[in-house]
Protein backbone atom coordinates (compact mmCIF):
# COMPACT_ATOMS: atom_id res chain seq x y z
CA MET A 1 108.96 43.96 66.92
CA THR A 2 110.80 45.55 69.69
CA ALA A 3 112.71 43.92 72.47
CA PRO A 4 110.19 44.78 75.09
CA VAL A 5 107.53 43.09 73.02
CA ARG A 6 109.77 40.06 72.39
CA ARG A 7 110.78 39.53 75.89
CA ALA A 8 107.01 40.05 77.32
CA GLY A 9 106.05 37.21 74.64
CA VAL A 10 108.57 34.89 75.84
CA PHE A 11 107.50 35.58 79.52
CA ALA A 12 103.91 34.99 78.57
CA ALA A 13 104.88 31.67 76.92
CA LEU A 14 106.66 30.72 80.17
CA CYS A 15 103.84 31.58 82.13
CA THR A 16 101.69 29.05 79.95
CA LEU A 17 103.78 26.22 81.58
CA SER A 18 101.82 27.07 84.99
CA LEU A 19 99.33 24.55 83.31
CA ALA A 20 101.91 21.62 84.13
CA VAL A 21 100.44 21.86 87.70
CA PRO A 22 96.68 20.91 86.77
CA LEU A 23 98.03 18.76 83.91
CA PHE A 24 100.86 16.70 85.23
CA GLY A 25 100.91 17.67 88.85
CA PRO A 26 103.33 19.69 91.11
CA GLU A 27 105.96 17.50 90.80
CA VAL A 28 106.33 18.02 86.90
CA ALA A 29 105.73 21.60 87.53
CA GLY A 30 108.68 21.86 90.12
CA ALA A 31 110.90 20.26 87.54
CA LEU A 32 110.26 22.75 85.14
CA ALA A 33 110.60 25.64 87.47
CA ALA A 34 113.82 24.26 88.58
CA ALA A 35 115.13 24.04 84.90
CA LEU A 36 114.18 27.70 84.43
CA LEU A 37 115.88 28.83 87.55
CA LEU A 38 118.96 26.92 86.59
CA GLY A 39 118.94 28.49 83.20
CA ALA A 40 118.61 31.74 84.77
CA PHE A 41 121.88 31.37 86.48
CA VAL A 42 123.75 29.48 83.45
CA VAL A 43 122.78 31.88 80.70
CA THR A 44 124.97 35.12 81.07
CA ASP A 45 125.16 36.41 77.70
CA GLY A 46 124.25 35.83 73.87
CA PRO A 47 121.22 35.85 72.00
CA LEU A 48 118.97 34.10 74.68
CA PHE A 49 120.30 36.33 77.48
CA ASP A 50 119.45 39.43 75.17
CA LEU A 51 115.98 38.03 74.53
CA LEU A 52 115.15 37.50 78.32
CA ALA A 53 117.16 40.23 80.12
CA TYR A 54 115.66 43.46 81.45
CA PRO A 55 117.87 46.52 80.93
CA GLY A 56 119.06 46.15 84.74
CA ASP A 57 120.09 42.55 84.16
CA TYR A 58 123.13 43.60 81.91
CA GLU A 59 124.75 45.39 84.67
CA ASP A 60 124.92 42.46 86.63
CA GLY A 61 125.45 39.72 83.93
CA ARG A 62 122.65 37.76 85.22
CA LEU A 63 118.95 37.13 84.47
CA TYR A 64 117.69 38.57 87.88
CA GLY A 65 114.31 39.53 86.17
CA LEU A 66 113.72 35.96 85.27
CA LEU A 67 114.89 34.61 88.26
CA THR A 68 112.64 36.46 90.81
CA PHE A 69 109.84 36.01 88.27
CA VAL A 70 109.97 32.25 88.40
CA LEU A 71 110.42 32.21 92.23
CA ALA A 72 107.38 34.37 92.61
CA GLY A 73 105.46 31.62 90.60
CA VAL A 74 106.85 29.04 92.63
CA ALA A 75 105.85 30.65 96.01
CA LEU A 76 102.45 31.01 94.77
CA GLY A 77 102.32 27.63 93.60
CA LEU A 78 103.41 26.19 96.88
CA LEU A 79 100.59 28.20 98.50
CA ALA A 80 98.20 26.80 95.97
CA VAL A 81 99.34 23.21 96.84
CA GLY A 82 99.82 23.46 100.50
CA THR A 83 96.74 25.39 101.44
CA ALA A 84 92.97 25.90 100.26
CA MET A 85 94.00 28.19 97.57
CA SER A 86 92.81 26.68 94.34
CA THR A 87 95.16 25.62 91.39
CA ALA A 88 92.94 27.67 89.21
CA ILE A 89 93.78 30.85 90.79
CA PHE A 90 97.49 30.13 90.77
CA VAL A 91 97.30 29.52 87.06
CA GLY A 92 95.02 32.46 86.50
CA THR A 93 97.23 34.84 88.47
CA VAL A 94 100.39 33.61 86.56
CA PHE A 95 98.69 33.93 83.14
CA LEU A 96 97.17 37.39 84.03
CA VAL A 97 100.46 38.89 85.04
CA GLY A 98 102.21 37.33 81.99
CA TYR A 99 99.77 38.23 79.20
CA GLY A 100 98.78 41.34 80.45
CA ASN A 101 102.26 42.50 80.17
CA LEU A 102 102.21 41.41 76.77
CA GLY A 103 99.02 43.26 75.82
CA GLU A 104 100.55 46.47 77.33
CA GLN A 105 103.76 46.02 75.27
CA ALA A 106 101.86 45.60 72.24
CA VAL A 107 99.80 48.76 72.97
CA ARG A 108 102.97 50.65 73.49
CA LEU A 109 104.02 49.96 70.01
CA ARG A 110 101.10 52.12 68.65
CA THR A 111 100.77 54.98 71.18
CA ASP A 112 102.24 56.70 74.10
CA ASP A 113 99.11 57.33 75.86
CA ASP A 114 99.04 56.04 79.49
CA VAL A 115 95.35 55.31 79.56
CA ALA A 116 95.75 53.23 76.42
CA HIS A 117 98.67 51.30 78.07
CA VAL A 118 96.46 50.70 81.10
CA ILE A 119 93.52 49.52 79.17
CA GLY A 120 95.75 47.15 77.02
CA PHE A 121 97.05 45.42 80.22
CA SER A 122 93.76 45.39 81.83
CA VAL A 123 91.92 43.70 78.87
CA ALA A 124 94.61 41.24 78.17
CA ALA A 125 95.09 40.36 81.85
CA THR A 126 91.45 39.87 82.42
CA ALA A 127 91.24 37.66 79.26
CA ALA A 128 94.33 35.61 80.31
CA GLY A 129 93.03 35.19 83.90
CA VAL A 130 89.60 33.81 82.70
CA VAL A 131 91.30 31.51 80.18
CA GLY A 132 93.83 30.48 82.78
CA GLN A 133 91.26 29.72 85.49
CA SER A 134 88.83 28.11 83.01
CA GLY A 135 91.51 25.76 81.52
CA THR A 136 92.44 24.49 84.99
CA LEU A 137 88.70 24.01 86.09
CA ALA A 138 88.13 21.83 82.85
CA VAL A 139 91.15 19.72 83.46
CA ASP A 140 90.56 19.22 87.25
CA ALA A 141 86.74 19.12 86.90
CA SER A 142 84.72 19.38 83.90
CA VAL A 143 83.18 21.81 81.32
CA ALA A 144 80.11 21.86 83.43
CA ALA A 145 82.09 23.15 86.41
CA VAL A 146 83.54 25.94 84.29
CA GLU A 147 80.17 27.03 83.12
CA SER A 148 78.88 27.22 86.61
CA ALA A 149 81.99 29.03 88.28
CA LEU A 150 82.13 31.57 85.14
CA PRO A 151 80.80 34.52 86.94
CA ARG A 152 83.28 34.02 89.68
CA VAL A 153 85.93 33.52 87.30
CA VAL A 154 85.40 36.77 85.40
CA PHE A 155 84.99 38.64 89.00
CA LEU A 156 88.53 37.16 90.18
CA ALA A 157 90.03 37.94 86.78
CA ALA A 158 88.92 41.52 86.55
CA SER A 159 89.79 42.23 90.14
CA GLY A 160 93.11 40.77 89.71
CA ALA A 161 93.79 42.64 86.45
CA LEU A 162 92.75 45.96 87.91
CA LEU A 163 95.15 45.29 91.17
CA ALA A 164 98.00 44.46 88.86
CA ALA A 165 97.50 47.59 86.56
CA LEU A 166 97.28 49.65 89.59
CA LEU A 167 100.42 48.21 91.35
CA ARG A 168 102.30 48.59 88.04
CA THR A 169 101.67 52.32 87.86
CA VAL A 170 103.36 52.64 91.18
CA LEU A 171 105.91 50.06 91.23
CA LEU A 172 108.79 49.57 88.60
CA LEU A 173 108.68 47.36 85.43
CA TYR A 174 110.78 44.84 87.20
CA ASP A 175 108.57 44.51 90.26
CA ASP A 176 106.29 41.89 88.41
CA PRO A 177 107.10 39.22 91.07
CA VAL A 178 105.54 41.67 93.74
CA VAL A 179 102.41 42.12 91.52
CA MET A 180 102.21 38.45 91.03
CA LEU A 181 102.35 37.62 94.67
CA SER A 182 99.83 40.38 95.61
CA VAL A 183 97.24 39.47 92.87
CA GLY A 184 97.44 35.78 94.09
CA LEU A 185 96.84 36.57 97.70
CA LEU A 186 94.08 39.10 96.77
CA LEU A 187 92.35 36.47 94.65
CA TRP A 188 92.64 33.80 97.20
CA LEU A 189 90.80 36.10 99.55
CA LEU A 190 88.09 36.95 97.43
CA ALA A 191 87.47 33.37 96.29
CA GLU A 192 86.90 32.53 100.07
CA LEU A 193 84.15 35.06 100.12
CA GLU A 194 82.29 33.29 97.50
CA PRO A 195 80.66 36.40 95.62
CA ALA A 196 77.20 35.07 94.43
CA LEU A 197 76.44 37.37 91.72
CA GLY A 198 75.66 35.99 88.09
CA ALA A 199 77.45 36.76 84.91
CA VAL A 200 75.30 39.78 84.02
CA GLU A 201 75.70 41.18 87.36
CA ILE A 202 79.50 41.08 87.03
CA VAL A 203 79.69 42.72 83.64
CA ALA A 204 77.13 45.46 84.60
CA ALA A 205 79.48 46.06 87.85
CA LEU A 206 82.38 46.38 85.56
CA ALA A 207 80.94 48.48 83.10
CA VAL A 208 79.36 50.75 85.59
CA THR A 209 82.64 51.18 87.51
CA VAL A 210 84.94 51.41 84.56
CA ALA A 211 82.93 54.10 83.17
CA LEU A 212 82.56 56.25 85.95
CA GLY A 213 86.63 55.66 86.53
CA TYR A 214 87.12 57.19 83.17
CA VAL A 215 84.74 59.98 83.77
CA SER A 216 86.86 60.90 86.91
CA TYR A 217 90.03 60.69 84.72
CA ALA A 218 88.44 62.79 81.97
CA LEU A 219 87.42 65.40 84.42
CA GLU A 220 90.85 65.50 85.82
CA THR A 221 89.53 64.68 89.44
CA ALA A 222 91.70 61.57 89.33
CA SER A 223 95.03 60.33 88.08
CA VAL A 224 95.58 57.12 86.21
CA ALA A 225 96.61 55.29 89.36
CA GLY A 226 93.67 57.01 91.24
CA MET A 227 91.11 56.08 88.58
CA LEU A 228 92.35 52.34 88.81
CA THR A 229 92.03 52.37 92.56
CA GLY A 230 88.66 53.91 92.30
CA VAL A 231 87.49 51.33 89.62
CA LEU A 232 88.81 48.44 91.78
CA LEU A 233 87.24 49.57 95.19
CA GLY A 234 83.81 50.21 93.21
CA LEU A 235 83.96 46.75 91.66
CA LEU A 236 84.53 44.86 95.01
CA THR A 237 82.06 46.96 96.72
CA ILE A 238 79.36 46.34 94.33
CA VAL A 239 80.00 42.66 94.07
CA LEU A 240 80.54 42.07 97.87
CA GLY A 241 78.20 44.57 99.36
CA GLY A 242 75.76 45.76 96.67
CA TYR A 243 74.82 48.75 94.72
CA GLY A 244 73.68 50.48 97.64
CA TRP A 245 77.21 50.39 99.31
CA PHE A 246 78.51 51.61 95.89
CA VAL A 247 76.23 54.63 95.73
CA VAL A 248 77.28 55.73 99.19
CA LEU A 249 81.02 55.49 98.09
CA ILE A 250 80.79 56.94 94.81
CA SER A 251 78.89 59.83 96.23
CA PHE A 252 82.06 60.62 98.30
CA PHE A 253 84.38 60.34 95.19
CA GLY A 254 81.91 62.43 93.25
CA ILE A 255 81.15 65.29 95.49
CA GLY A 256 84.74 65.15 97.03
CA GLY A 257 86.24 65.47 93.58
CA LEU A 258 84.08 68.33 92.56
CA ALA A 259 84.90 70.10 95.94
CA THR A 260 88.53 69.76 95.16
CA LYS A 261 87.90 71.77 91.98
CA PHE A 262 85.84 74.26 93.87
CA ARG A 263 87.70 77.80 93.50
CA TYR A 264 90.87 75.87 92.65
CA GLU A 265 92.53 78.95 91.37
CA ARG A 266 91.84 80.73 94.70
CA LYS A 267 93.47 77.89 96.58
CA ARG A 268 96.36 77.91 94.32
CA ASP A 269 97.05 81.31 95.02
CA LEU A 270 96.81 80.58 98.90
CA GLY A 271 99.23 77.70 98.29
CA VAL A 272 96.70 74.96 99.69
CA ALA A 273 95.46 73.53 96.34
CA GLU A 274 95.99 69.88 95.62
CA ASP A 275 98.86 68.93 93.55
CA ASN A 276 98.33 67.45 90.19
CA ASP A 277 95.46 70.15 89.40
CA GLY A 278 93.55 68.27 91.92
CA ALA A 279 93.47 64.89 90.35
CA ARG A 280 93.50 62.32 93.32
CA GLY A 281 96.19 59.67 93.23
CA SER A 282 96.14 55.96 94.39
CA GLY A 283 97.47 57.19 97.78
CA ASN A 284 94.70 59.79 98.14
CA VAL A 285 92.04 57.36 97.27
CA LEU A 286 93.35 54.67 99.45
CA GLY A 287 93.67 56.90 102.47
CA ASN A 288 90.15 57.82 102.42
CA ALA A 289 88.56 54.48 101.43
CA ALA A 290 90.85 51.91 102.94
CA VAL A 291 88.72 51.53 105.99
CA ALA A 292 85.38 51.55 103.95
CA LEU A 293 86.86 48.60 101.69
CA ALA A 294 87.67 46.61 104.77
CA ALA A 295 84.07 47.19 105.91
CA VAL A 296 83.00 45.72 102.78
CA LEU A 297 85.35 42.67 103.06
CA GLY A 298 84.15 42.23 106.78
CA TYR A 299 80.64 42.43 105.77
CA ALA A 300 81.20 39.67 102.97
CA ALA A 301 83.16 37.50 105.32
CA SER A 302 80.54 37.80 108.20
CA SER A 303 77.68 37.08 105.70
CA ALA A 304 79.70 33.93 104.56
CA THR A 305 80.28 33.01 108.12
CA LEU A 306 83.99 33.16 107.91
CA LEU A 307 84.64 35.12 110.94
CA PRO A 308 85.26 33.33 114.26
CA ALA A 309 83.31 35.73 116.27
CA ASP A 310 80.13 35.68 114.09
CA PRO A 311 79.41 39.40 114.34
CA ASP A 312 76.36 41.17 113.05
CA PRO A 313 76.88 42.08 109.44
CA HIS A 314 75.09 45.26 109.83
CA LEU A 315 77.78 46.66 112.25
CA PHE A 316 80.12 46.60 109.02
CA LEU A 317 77.50 48.53 107.27
CA PHE A 318 77.62 51.44 109.88
CA ALA A 319 81.48 51.13 109.78
CA PHE A 320 81.28 51.48 106.25
CA THR A 321 78.88 54.46 106.14
CA GLY A 322 80.87 56.02 109.26
CA SER A 323 84.00 55.84 107.43
CA VAL A 324 82.76 57.42 104.18
CA ALA A 325 80.62 60.14 106.33
CA THR A 326 84.24 61.06 107.75
CA ALA A 327 85.92 61.17 104.29
CA MET A 328 83.23 63.26 102.97
CA SER A 329 83.15 65.54 106.02
CA ASP A 330 86.87 66.09 106.02
CA THR A 331 87.03 66.62 102.19
CA LEU A 332 84.33 69.18 102.13
CA SER A 333 85.84 70.76 105.18
CA SER A 334 89.21 71.25 103.94
CA GLU A 335 88.45 71.81 100.34
CA ILE A 336 85.76 74.56 101.05
CA GLY A 337 87.17 75.88 104.22
CA SER A 338 90.59 76.40 102.81
CA VAL A 339 89.46 79.26 100.50
CA PHE A 340 88.94 81.54 103.61
CA GLU A 341 91.75 83.31 105.32
CA THR A 342 91.02 83.24 108.74
CA PRO A 343 91.59 79.60 109.83
CA ARG A 344 92.39 78.84 113.62
CA LEU A 345 94.27 75.86 114.97
CA ILE A 346 91.78 73.52 116.38
CA THR A 347 93.74 73.04 119.65
CA THR A 348 94.27 76.46 120.67
CA LEU A 349 92.00 78.44 118.47
CA GLU A 350 94.84 80.77 117.45
CA PRO A 351 94.65 82.29 113.96
CA VAL A 352 97.05 80.36 111.63
CA GLU A 353 98.14 80.52 107.98
CA PRO A 354 95.64 78.97 105.40
CA GLY A 355 96.78 75.50 104.73
CA THR A 356 98.29 74.79 108.14
CA ASP A 357 97.58 71.35 109.36
CA GLY A 358 94.84 71.42 111.80
CA GLY A 359 93.52 74.87 110.82
CA VAL A 360 89.72 74.94 110.74
CA THR A 361 87.15 77.73 109.95
CA TRP A 362 83.53 77.90 110.79
CA GLN A 363 82.56 77.70 106.96
CA GLY A 364 84.60 74.33 106.71
CA GLU A 365 82.95 72.96 109.69
CA LEU A 366 79.70 73.63 108.29
CA ALA A 367 80.59 72.15 105.02
CA GLY A 368 81.81 69.08 106.82
CA LEU A 369 78.59 68.66 108.76
CA ALA A 370 76.72 68.98 105.50
CA GLY A 371 78.96 66.44 103.81
CA ALA A 372 78.23 63.90 106.59
CA THR A 373 74.46 64.76 106.46
CA VAL A 374 74.54 63.78 102.72
CA VAL A 375 76.06 60.54 103.53
CA ALA A 376 73.53 59.88 106.07
CA GLY A 377 70.39 60.88 103.89
CA ILE A 378 71.80 58.56 101.28
CA SER A 379 72.24 55.58 103.78
CA PHE A 380 68.70 56.26 105.20
CA TRP A 381 67.22 56.19 101.72
CA LEU A 382 69.04 53.05 100.66
CA PHE A 383 69.38 50.69 103.73
CA PRO A 384 66.52 49.72 105.87
CA GLU A 385 68.73 49.15 108.58
CA VAL A 386 69.60 52.97 108.73
CA ASP A 387 66.71 54.40 110.46
CA THR A 388 66.34 58.01 111.88
CA VAL A 389 68.65 57.06 114.78
CA GLY A 390 71.03 55.45 112.44
CA ALA A 391 71.21 58.47 110.15
CA ALA A 392 72.00 60.39 113.24
CA ILE A 393 74.81 58.02 114.18
CA VAL A 394 76.20 58.28 110.81
CA VAL A 395 76.24 62.17 110.92
CA ALA A 396 77.84 61.95 114.44
CA ALA A 397 80.59 59.49 113.33
CA GLY A 398 81.43 61.87 110.43
CA PHE A 399 81.73 64.64 112.49
CA VAL A 400 83.78 62.91 115.01
CA GLY A 401 85.87 61.51 112.36
CA MET A 402 86.31 65.07 110.99
CA THR A 403 87.51 66.41 114.27
CA VAL A 404 89.86 63.68 114.72
CA ASP A 405 91.63 64.44 111.48
CA SER A 406 91.82 68.18 112.58
CA LEU A 407 93.37 67.07 115.99
CA LEU A 408 96.11 64.88 114.43
CA GLY A 409 96.83 67.40 111.92
CA ALA A 410 97.58 69.84 114.42
CA THR A 411 99.36 67.55 116.59
CA LEU A 412 101.16 64.51 114.67
CA GLU A 413 100.79 65.49 111.02
CA GLY A 414 104.42 66.47 109.44
CA ARG A 415 106.10 65.09 112.54
CA LEU A 416 105.08 61.19 112.86
CA LEU A 417 102.31 61.08 110.36
CA GLY A 418 101.75 61.94 106.70
CA ASN A 419 98.58 63.24 105.31
CA GLN A 420 97.47 59.75 103.92
CA SER A 421 97.91 58.22 107.46
CA VAL A 422 96.12 60.85 109.07
CA ASN A 423 92.96 60.30 106.57
CA PHE A 424 93.31 56.72 107.31
CA LEU A 425 93.19 56.96 111.10
CA ALA A 426 90.38 59.89 110.80
CA THR A 427 88.23 57.37 108.58
CA LEU A 428 88.94 54.44 110.88
CA SER A 429 87.86 56.58 114.09
CA GLY A 430 84.63 57.35 112.13
CA ALA A 431 83.89 53.65 111.55
CA VAL A 432 84.68 52.73 115.14
CA VAL A 433 82.50 55.48 116.42
CA ALA A 434 79.69 54.51 114.37
CA ALA A 435 79.80 50.78 115.21
CA LEU A 436 80.25 51.57 118.99
CA LEU A 437 77.06 53.92 118.77
CA VAL A 438 75.26 51.23 117.27
CA VAL A 439 76.22 48.58 119.86
CA SER A 440 75.46 51.23 122.63
CA PHE A 441 72.09 51.92 121.25
CA ALA A 442 71.26 48.25 120.86
CA ALA A 443 72.23 47.77 124.55
CA PHE A 444 70.46 50.46 126.29
CA GLY A 445 67.77 51.37 123.44
C-alpha cells in the first residue's frame, strides 16, 4: 500500500468521526475537532507526520493539509448546527469527500487512466454520501425515515460526488477543503428545492446522463472535466426540471459538439480550431450552460414557492430555452461560419481575418438562425407552454443572444472579457430577451 492510499485511508477514518454530531451532539464533535486541530500543530515529524502529511507539508514542517481539512469540516458543521442545513447533509458531505478520495487512490494503484480515476472517486463518493446521510437519518429519526428519504439521499449524494469529482479535476489535490465546502453548499441548496422523483427515476436519470457523458468523452467532444460538468448539469436538469428540459439541453451539447468537429482540419489550417482537438472543457460547458442551470434552479425554487416574489415558473422555462437557443446559435455560427475566409467585423462590416473576435459571415448567421430554430422546434414539440408565438420568441432570443456575442467579441473580448465570459453574457442576454418578450406578449397580447 502506497503513502497516498494510506493517507487517504486515515483521512477517510477521520471523516467517520463526523458521526459524533448526530450520535453525541455538537459539543462532543467540537471537542474531537479541537483535538485534531491541536494534533495538526503538535505533530511536526515522525511516523505519524509521514502518515498524514501531503508533499507540501514537509516544506513547512506542519500538517497544514489536515489543519485546513478539519477547519473546512468545522465550518460546514457550524452551518449545519446554526441554520436549516441538516446534519445529514453535513455528515454525507464529509463522508463523500473522504471516502471518495480513498476510492480514487485505490484505483490509482491499478491504472493511470484518468476516466478510471474519476469513476473510482465518483462511485466511492456516492456510496459514502448515501451511507453518511442514511446513518445520520437513522440516528436522528428512524429506519422508516431513511426509506422515505432514500431517493433524495441518492440524488444529493450523486450530485455532490459529481461536483467534487469536477472540482478535483480543476483544483489541486490539496484543495479538498474547498471541495468540501462547495459540495456542502450545493447539497444545502438542492435539499431546499425538495426534488420529488422516486428511486427508479433518480437511477434512470443517473444512467442516462452518465452514458451520454461518456459518449461525449469517447467521441472526443468533451474533456474529462467537460464530461463531468455535462453529467452534473444533465442530472440537475432532469431531476429539477424534467426530461423535456434535458432534451433541449442535450440537443445543444450533441449538435454543438458535432459542429465543433465539422471540417476540423480546415479550421486548424485557418488557426480557428478549438483546442484539445475540439473537446470542450468545463469552462466552455459552464460558459454556455450556466444561465440554463440557473433557470432550472429558478424554476424548481419557484415551483417550491421558495422565491419571495412568487414569479411564474414558465418565465424560467422561456429563460432556459432562450439561453440554450443562444448557445446553439453562437456555436453553429462560429463553428460553421469560421470555415469561410471572408468574415466581416459586425460593428463596421470591414473584412477581417478568420477567427477575429466579432467577425461574422452570412453562412454563419444562417447556421446560427437554424440552430435557434432547432431549439425552438424541440421546445414547441415538448412543452405545451411554448406555442407558435413562444417558438418565435425562442428563435428571436437565440438570434439576439448570438448578435450580442458577436458585438461583445468585437468590442470587449480580449480587452476586458474572456471567451467564457462573453458566452455567459450572451446566453444571459438570450434568457432575458425571452423572458421580457413573454411578459410583453402577456401584457399586450
